[in-house]
Amino acid sequence: MAKISKVVKNERRKDKVALYAERRAALKRIIKDPKSSAADVDAAVLKLQKMPRDASPVRVRNRCSQTGRPRGYLRKFGISRVSLRELALEGQIPGVVKSSW
């Protein structure tokens, strides 16, 4: 089980990313647009730099929904490899069986 503080911090980051998503997208459009003047691009870059660091989606960490484990995360299931194995052996995940040959 991960520290509760780390899980809560990551949830806060997710909220902040959602809050600033539209503003970041607008600034990125200005920066990438070839028709924008150099002054507009510079102003957009400065505004983007002044935004909180946690507003960037890159800073959000994928974590297991059950344990909060940050490593061994499987996107298809939304849980870590350890939790996947436990749930699969219990028969909790439909269509997943232990392989044998």
N, C-alpha and C. Protein backbone atom coordinates (compact mmCIF):
# COMPACT_ATOMS: atom_id res chain seq x y z
N MET A 1 0.84 -1.18 0.00
CA MET A 1 0.00 0.00 0.00
C MET A 1 0.88 1.24 0.00
N ALA A 2 0.58 2.15 -0.91
CA ALA A 2 1.36 3.39 -1.01
C ALA A 2 0.97 4.34 0.12
N LYS A 3 1.85 5.31 0.35
CA LYS A 3 1.54 6.33 1.35
C LYS A 3 0.30 7.09 0.90
N ILE A 4 -0.57 7.34 1.82
CA ILE A 4 -1.82 8.05 1.52
C ILE A 4 -1.52 9.45 1.01
N SER A 5 -0.47 10.07 1.55
CA SER A 5 -0.14 11.44 1.14
C SER A 5 0.23 11.49 -0.34
N LYS A 6 0.93 10.47 -0.84
CA LYS A 6 1.31 10.44 -2.25
C LYS A 6 0.08 10.27 -3.14
N VAL A 7 -0.84 9.42 -2.73
CA VAL A 7 -2.06 9.20 -3.51
C VAL A 7 -2.90 10.47 -3.55
N VAL A 8 -3.02 11.14 -2.41
CA VAL A 8 -3.80 12.38 -2.33
C VAL A 8 -3.15 13.47 -3.17
N LYS A 9 -1.82 13.55 -3.12
CA LYS A 9 -1.10 14.55 -3.90
C LYS A 9 -1.33 14.33 -5.40
N ASN A 10 -1.32 13.07 -5.81
CA ASN A 10 -1.55 12.76 -7.22
C ASN A 10 -2.98 13.12 -7.63
N GLU A 11 -3.95 12.90 -6.74
CA GLU A 11 -5.34 13.28 -7.04
C GLU A 11 -5.47 14.79 -7.18
N ARG A 12 -4.74 15.52 -6.33
CA ARG A 12 -4.74 16.98 -6.42
C ARG A 12 -4.17 17.44 -7.76
N ARG A 13 -3.12 16.75 -8.20
CA ARG A 13 -2.53 17.07 -9.50
C ARG A 13 -3.53 16.83 -10.62
N LYS A 14 -4.28 15.74 -10.55
CA LYS A 14 -5.29 15.45 -11.58
C LYS A 14 -6.33 16.55 -11.64
N ASP A 15 -6.75 17.03 -10.47
CA ASP A 15 -7.73 18.12 -10.42
C ASP A 15 -7.16 19.39 -11.05
N LYS A 16 -5.90 19.69 -10.73
CA LYS A 16 -5.28 20.91 -11.24
C LYS A 16 -5.08 20.82 -12.75
N VAL A 17 -4.74 19.64 -13.26
CA VAL A 17 -4.59 19.45 -14.71
C VAL A 17 -5.93 19.72 -15.39
N ALA A 18 -7.02 19.20 -14.83
CA ALA A 18 -8.34 19.42 -15.41
C ALA A 18 -8.73 20.89 -15.37
N LEU A 19 -8.35 21.58 -14.30
CA LEU A 19 -8.68 22.99 -14.14
C LEU A 19 -7.99 23.86 -15.18
N TYR A 20 -6.73 23.56 -15.48
CA TYR A 20 -5.93 24.39 -16.38
C TYR A 20 -5.87 23.85 -17.81
N ALA A 21 -6.55 22.76 -18.12
CA ALA A 21 -6.43 22.11 -19.43
C ALA A 21 -6.80 23.04 -20.57
N GLU A 22 -7.91 23.74 -20.45
CA GLU A 22 -8.37 24.61 -21.53
C GLU A 22 -7.42 25.79 -21.74
N ARG A 23 -6.95 26.38 -20.65
CA ARG A 23 -6.02 27.51 -20.76
C ARG A 23 -4.71 27.10 -21.41
N ARG A 24 -4.19 25.93 -21.00
CA ARG A 24 -2.95 25.42 -21.58
C ARG A 24 -3.11 25.14 -23.06
N ALA A 25 -4.25 24.55 -23.43
CA ALA A 25 -4.49 24.21 -24.84
C ALA A 25 -4.55 25.48 -25.69
N ALA A 26 -5.18 26.52 -25.17
CA ALA A 26 -5.27 27.78 -25.92
C ALA A 26 -3.89 28.38 -26.14
N LEU A 27 -3.07 28.38 -25.10
CA LEU A 27 -1.71 28.93 -25.23
C LEU A 27 -0.87 28.09 -26.19
N LYS A 28 -1.02 26.78 -26.13
CA LYS A 28 -0.25 25.91 -27.03
C LYS A 28 -0.66 26.13 -28.48
N ARG A 29 -1.96 26.39 -28.71
CA ARG A 29 -2.41 26.67 -30.07
C ARG A 29 -1.75 27.93 -30.61
N ILE A 30 -1.65 28.96 -29.76
CA ILE A 30 -1.00 30.21 -30.18
C ILE A 30 0.47 29.95 -30.51
N ILE A 31 1.14 29.16 -29.69
CA ILE A 31 2.57 28.89 -29.88
C ILE A 31 2.81 28.11 -31.17
N LYS A 32 1.96 27.13 -31.45
CA LYS A 32 2.15 26.28 -32.62
C LYS A 32 1.66 26.90 -33.93
N ASP A 33 0.82 27.89 -33.84
CA ASP A 33 0.24 28.51 -35.04
C ASP A 33 1.32 29.29 -35.80
N PRO A 34 1.56 28.94 -37.07
CA PRO A 34 2.61 29.67 -37.83
C PRO A 34 2.21 31.11 -38.16
N LYS A 35 0.93 31.43 -38.06
CA LYS A 35 0.47 32.79 -38.36
C LYS A 35 0.64 33.74 -37.17
N SER A 36 0.94 33.22 -36.00
CA SER A 36 1.10 34.07 -34.81
C SER A 36 2.37 34.90 -34.93
N SER A 37 2.28 36.12 -34.45
CA SER A 37 3.47 36.99 -34.47
C SER A 37 4.44 36.56 -33.37
N ALA A 38 5.66 36.99 -33.50
CA ALA A 38 6.69 36.63 -32.53
C ALA A 38 6.34 37.16 -31.13
N ALA A 39 5.74 38.34 -31.07
CA ALA A 39 5.37 38.92 -29.78
C ALA A 39 4.27 38.08 -29.11
N ASP A 40 3.28 37.63 -29.91
CA ASP A 40 2.21 36.79 -29.36
C ASP A 40 2.76 35.47 -28.84
N VAL A 41 3.68 34.88 -29.59
CA VAL A 41 4.28 33.61 -29.18
C VAL A 41 5.06 33.79 -27.89
N ASP A 42 5.84 34.86 -27.81
CA ASP A 42 6.62 35.12 -26.59
C ASP A 42 5.71 35.32 -25.38
N ALA A 43 4.64 36.06 -25.58
CA ALA A 43 3.70 36.29 -24.48
C ALA A 43 3.04 34.99 -24.05
N ALA A 44 2.68 34.14 -25.01
CA ALA A 44 2.05 32.86 -24.69
C ALA A 44 3.01 31.94 -23.94
N VAL A 45 4.28 31.95 -24.36
CA VAL A 45 5.29 31.12 -23.68
C VAL A 45 5.47 31.59 -22.24
N LEU A 46 5.50 32.89 -22.02
CA LEU A 46 5.65 33.41 -20.66
C LEU A 46 4.46 33.04 -19.78
N LYS A 47 3.25 33.16 -20.34
CA LYS A 47 2.06 32.78 -19.58
C LYS A 47 2.07 31.30 -19.24
N LEU A 48 2.51 30.48 -20.19
CA LEU A 48 2.58 29.04 -19.97
C LEU A 48 3.59 28.71 -18.88
N GLN A 49 4.70 29.43 -18.86
CA GLN A 49 5.73 29.19 -17.85
C GLN A 49 5.29 29.63 -16.46
N LYS A 50 4.40 30.63 -16.40
CA LYS A 50 3.95 31.14 -15.11
C LYS A 50 2.85 30.27 -14.48
N MET A 51 2.29 29.36 -15.26
CA MET A 51 1.27 28.46 -14.72
C MET A 51 1.91 27.51 -13.72
N PRO A 52 1.11 26.97 -12.80
CA PRO A 52 1.67 26.03 -11.82
C PRO A 52 2.26 24.79 -12.50
N ARG A 53 3.32 24.27 -11.93
CA ARG A 53 3.95 23.08 -12.50
C ARG A 53 3.00 21.90 -12.53
N ASP A 54 2.20 21.77 -11.50
CA ASP A 54 1.29 20.63 -11.41
C ASP A 54 0.13 20.71 -12.40
N ALA A 55 0.03 21.80 -13.15
CA ALA A 55 -1.01 21.92 -14.17
C ALA A 55 -0.64 21.15 -15.42
N SER A 56 0.60 20.70 -15.51
CA SER A 56 1.04 19.93 -16.67
C SER A 56 0.62 18.47 -16.53
N PRO A 57 0.02 17.89 -17.57
CA PRO A 57 -0.44 16.50 -17.47
C PRO A 57 0.70 15.50 -17.34
N VAL A 58 1.92 15.90 -17.67
CA VAL A 58 3.05 15.00 -17.58
C VAL A 58 3.36 14.64 -16.12
N ARG A 59 3.00 15.50 -15.20
CA ARG A 59 3.34 15.28 -13.79
C ARG A 59 2.39 14.33 -13.06
N VAL A 60 1.31 13.95 -13.72
CA VAL A 60 0.38 13.00 -13.10
C VAL A 60 0.94 11.59 -13.27
N ARG A 61 0.91 10.83 -12.20
CA ARG A 61 1.47 9.48 -12.20
C ARG A 61 0.35 8.46 -12.23
N ASN A 62 0.46 7.45 -13.09
CA ASN A 62 -0.52 6.37 -13.09
C ASN A 62 -0.31 5.52 -11.85
N ARG A 63 -1.39 5.31 -11.10
CA ARG A 63 -1.31 4.52 -9.88
C ARG A 63 -2.41 3.49 -9.85
N CYS A 64 -2.13 2.39 -9.16
CA CYS A 64 -3.11 1.32 -9.00
C CYS A 64 -4.32 1.86 -8.25
N SER A 65 -5.51 1.53 -8.75
CA SER A 65 -6.73 2.05 -8.13
C SER A 65 -7.01 1.40 -6.78
N GLN A 66 -6.40 0.26 -6.51
CA GLN A 66 -6.67 -0.43 -5.25
C GLN A 66 -5.61 -0.18 -4.19
N THR A 67 -4.34 -0.22 -4.60
CA THR A 67 -3.26 -0.10 -3.62
C THR A 67 -2.51 1.22 -3.70
N GLY A 68 -2.61 1.93 -4.83
CA GLY A 68 -1.86 3.17 -5.00
C GLY A 68 -0.45 2.94 -5.48
N ARG A 69 -0.11 1.69 -5.79
CA ARG A 69 1.25 1.37 -6.23
C ARG A 69 1.55 2.08 -7.55
N PRO A 70 2.71 2.80 -7.63
CA PRO A 70 3.02 3.55 -8.84
C PRO A 70 3.71 2.74 -9.93
N ARG A 71 4.30 1.61 -9.59
CA ARG A 71 5.05 0.84 -10.57
C ARG A 71 4.29 -0.43 -10.96
N GLY A 72 4.58 -0.91 -12.14
CA GLY A 72 3.92 -2.12 -12.62
C GLY A 72 2.45 -1.88 -12.92
N TYR A 73 2.12 -0.68 -13.37
CA TYR A 73 0.73 -0.29 -13.65
C TYR A 73 0.33 -0.79 -15.03
N LEU A 74 -0.83 -1.45 -15.12
CA LEU A 74 -1.35 -1.94 -16.40
C LEU A 74 -2.53 -1.08 -16.79
N ARG A 75 -2.40 -0.34 -17.89
CA ARG A 75 -3.43 0.61 -18.31
C ARG A 75 -4.75 -0.08 -18.63
N LYS A 76 -4.68 -1.25 -19.23
CA LYS A 76 -5.90 -1.94 -19.66
C LYS A 76 -6.83 -2.21 -18.47
N PHE A 77 -6.25 -2.50 -17.32
CA PHE A 77 -7.04 -2.84 -16.14
C PHE A 77 -7.10 -1.72 -15.12
N GLY A 78 -6.14 -0.79 -15.14
CA GLY A 78 -6.12 0.30 -14.19
C GLY A 78 -5.59 -0.10 -12.82
N ILE A 79 -4.91 -1.23 -12.77
CA ILE A 79 -4.35 -1.72 -11.51
C ILE A 79 -2.91 -2.18 -11.74
N SER A 80 -2.20 -2.46 -10.66
CA SER A 80 -0.82 -2.90 -10.77
C SER A 80 -0.78 -4.40 -11.05
N ARG A 81 0.38 -4.87 -11.45
CA ARG A 81 0.55 -6.29 -11.78
C ARG A 81 0.29 -7.18 -10.57
N VAL A 82 0.63 -6.71 -9.38
CA VAL A 82 0.42 -7.50 -8.17
C VAL A 82 -1.07 -7.67 -7.90
N SER A 83 -1.81 -6.56 -8.00
CA SER A 83 -3.26 -6.62 -7.78
C SER A 83 -3.95 -7.44 -8.86
N LEU A 84 -3.45 -7.32 -10.10
CA LEU A 84 -4.03 -8.09 -11.20
C LEU A 84 -3.91 -9.58 -10.93
N ARG A 85 -2.76 -9.99 -10.48
CA ARG A 85 -2.55 -11.41 -10.22
C ARG A 85 -3.47 -11.91 -9.11
N GLU A 86 -3.55 -11.13 -8.03
CA GLU A 86 -4.41 -11.53 -6.91
C GLU A 86 -5.87 -11.64 -7.35
N LEU A 87 -6.35 -10.64 -8.07
CA LEU A 87 -7.75 -10.65 -8.52
C LEU A 87 -8.01 -11.75 -9.54
N ALA A 88 -7.03 -12.00 -10.42
CA ALA A 88 -7.20 -13.03 -11.44
C ALA A 88 -7.25 -14.42 -10.79
N LEU A 89 -6.43 -14.64 -9.79
CA LEU A 89 -6.43 -15.94 -9.11
C LEU A 89 -7.72 -16.16 -8.33
N GLU A 90 -8.32 -15.08 -7.86
CA GLU A 90 -9.61 -15.19 -7.16
C GLU A 90 -10.78 -15.32 -8.13
N GLY A 91 -10.51 -15.07 -9.42
CA GLY A 91 -11.58 -15.13 -10.42
C GLY A 91 -12.42 -13.88 -10.48
N GLN A 92 -11.89 -12.75 -10.02
CA GLN A 92 -12.64 -11.49 -9.98
C GLN A 92 -12.63 -10.75 -11.31
N ILE A 93 -11.67 -11.06 -12.19
CA ILE A 93 -11.58 -10.37 -13.47
C ILE A 93 -12.09 -11.32 -14.55
N PRO A 94 -13.20 -10.99 -15.21
CA PRO A 94 -13.75 -11.89 -16.21
C PRO A 94 -12.85 -12.03 -17.43
N GLY A 95 -12.71 -13.25 -17.90
CA GLY A 95 -11.92 -13.52 -19.10
C GLY A 95 -10.45 -13.71 -18.85
N VAL A 96 -9.98 -13.52 -17.63
CA VAL A 96 -8.57 -13.69 -17.32
C VAL A 96 -8.41 -15.00 -16.54
N VAL A 97 -7.59 -15.89 -17.10
CA VAL A 97 -7.31 -17.17 -16.44
C VAL A 97 -5.81 -17.37 -16.36
N LYS A 98 -5.41 -18.16 -15.42
CA LYS A 98 -3.99 -18.46 -15.27
C LYS A 98 -3.57 -19.40 -16.41
N SER A 99 -2.48 -19.07 -17.06
CA SER A 99 -2.05 -19.90 -18.19
C SER A 99 -1.28 -21.11 -17.68
N SER A 100 -1.40 -22.18 -18.43
CA SER A 100 -0.60 -23.39 -18.14
C SER A 100 -0.38 -24.12 -19.43
N TRP A 101 0.83 -24.67 -19.59
CA TRP A 101 1.13 -25.43 -20.79
C TRP A 101 2.09 -26.55 -20.51
